[in-house]
C-alpha cells in the first residue's frame, strides 16, 4: 500500500481532473481509516502539489451544500514527474 499522499498524486495520472470529494470517494475503501483522510488534509496535499508544480487548478464550482469545490489536474509534465517517482 502506498502512502496516502502518493495515492492522491497517482490518482491524478489516471483522471482528467478531480476535487477533494472525488479523491475521498475513490480512496475511502483503502485509506478511510487513516488519520490524515480528512477533507482539510487532502486539500493541503493538493495545494502542496500545486505549489511544487505537479498539479494545477482546473476549475471550481459549488457543491449541493454551497461549499466550494476546487478541481485540480496533472498537466503533462506533472503527470510524467509523478509517474517517474511513484510506481503503480
Protein backbone atom coordinates (compact mmCIF):
# COMPACT_ATOMS: atom_id res chain seq x y z
CA UNK A 1 0.00 0.00 0.00
CA UNK A 2 1.31 3.41 -0.99
CA UNK A 3 1.38 6.33 1.46
CA UNK A 4 -1.82 8.38 1.21
CA UNK A 5 -0.13 11.37 -0.43
CA UNK A 6 1.37 9.10 -3.08
CA UNK A 7 -2.05 7.56 -3.78
CA UNK A 8 -3.55 11.04 -4.11
CA UNK A 9 -0.90 12.13 -6.61
CA UNK A 10 -1.07 8.87 -8.56
CA UNK A 11 -4.85 9.29 -8.89
CA UNK A 12 -4.26 12.43 -10.95
CA UNK A 13 -2.31 10.45 -13.54
CA UNK A 14 -5.44 8.35 -14.19
CA UNK A 15 -8.16 11.01 -14.38
CA UNK A 16 -8.63 14.26 -16.26
CA UNK A 17 -9.36 16.22 -13.08
CA UNK A 18 -10.58 15.70 -9.53
CA UNK A 19 -11.59 17.58 -6.40
CA UNK A 20 -11.19 16.60 -2.74
CA UNK A 21 -14.60 14.91 -2.68
CA UNK A 22 -13.73 12.83 -5.76
CA UNK A 23 -10.49 11.69 -4.18
CA UNK A 24 -12.18 10.81 -0.91
CA UNK A 25 -14.78 8.74 -2.75
CA UNK A 26 -12.18 6.81 -4.75
CA UNK A 27 -9.70 6.22 -1.91
CA UNK A 28 -12.14 5.73 1.01
CA UNK A 29 -12.14 1.92 0.90
CA UNK A 30 -8.37 1.67 1.17
CA UNK A 31 -7.45 4.79 3.14
CA UNK A 32 -10.62 5.70 5.05
CA UNK A 33 -9.15 4.66 8.40
CA UNK A 34 -6.06 6.87 8.03
CA UNK A 35 -5.87 9.82 10.41
CA UNK A 36 -4.98 12.16 7.52
CA UNK A 37 -8.00 11.03 5.46
CA UNK A 38 -9.87 14.28 6.09
CA UNK A 39 -11.02 16.97 3.71
CA UNK A 40 -8.61 19.59 5.09
CA UNK A 41 -5.60 17.26 4.98
CA UNK A 42 -6.30 16.17 1.42
CA UNK A 43 -6.80 19.77 0.29
CA UNK A 44 -3.49 20.64 1.94
CA UNK A 45 -1.80 17.81 0.00
CA UNK A 46 -3.30 19.10 -3.26
CA UNK A 47 -2.22 22.66 -2.60
CA UNK A 48 1.29 21.46 -1.76
CA UNK A 49 1.42 19.51 -5.03
CA UNK A 50 0.25 22.63 -6.86
CA UNK A 51 2.93 24.75 -5.17
CA UNK A 52 5.51 22.16 -6.22
CA UNK A 53 4.38 22.30 -9.85
CA UNK A 54 2.82 18.82 -10.06
CA UNK A 55 -0.84 19.90 -10.26
CA UNK A 56 -2.78 22.91 -11.50
CA UNK A 57 -6.22 24.22 -10.60
CA UNK A 58 -8.54 23.46 -13.49
CA UNK A 59 -11.86 24.91 -12.32
CA UNK A 60 -14.10 25.42 -9.33
CA UNK A 61 -17.81 25.25 -8.52
CA UNK A 62 -20.22 24.88 -5.63
CA UNK A 63 -21.48 21.52 -4.43
CA UNK A 64 -25.07 20.78 -3.39
CA UNK A 65 -24.33 22.30 0.08
CA UNK A 66 -22.95 25.50 -1.48
CA UNK A 67 -19.40 24.57 -0.45
CA UNK A 68 -16.59 25.47 -2.81
CA UNK A 69 -15.06 22.59 -4.77
CA UNK A 70 -11.69 23.23 -6.36
CA UNK A 71 -10.70 20.86 -9.15
CA UNK A 72 -7.09 20.08 -9.95
CA UNK A 73 -5.41 18.26 -12.82
CA UNK A 74 -1.93 16.98 -13.53
CA UNK A 75 -0.52 18.70 -16.60
CA UNK A 76 1.67 16.61 -18.90
CA UNK A 77 4.95 17.43 -17.18
CA UNK A 78 3.46 17.00 -13.70
CA UNK A 79 2.00 13.60 -14.59
CA UNK A 80 5.33 12.50 -16.05
CA UNK A 81 7.12 13.52 -12.85
CA UNK A 82 4.59 11.71 -10.69
CA UNK A 83 4.91 8.56 -12.80
CA UNK A 84 8.71 8.75 -12.63
CA UNK A 85 8.78 8.75 -8.84
CA UNK A 86 5.66 6.77 -7.91
CA UNK A 87 5.21 3.35 -9.46
CA UNK A 88 1.83 1.65 -9.93
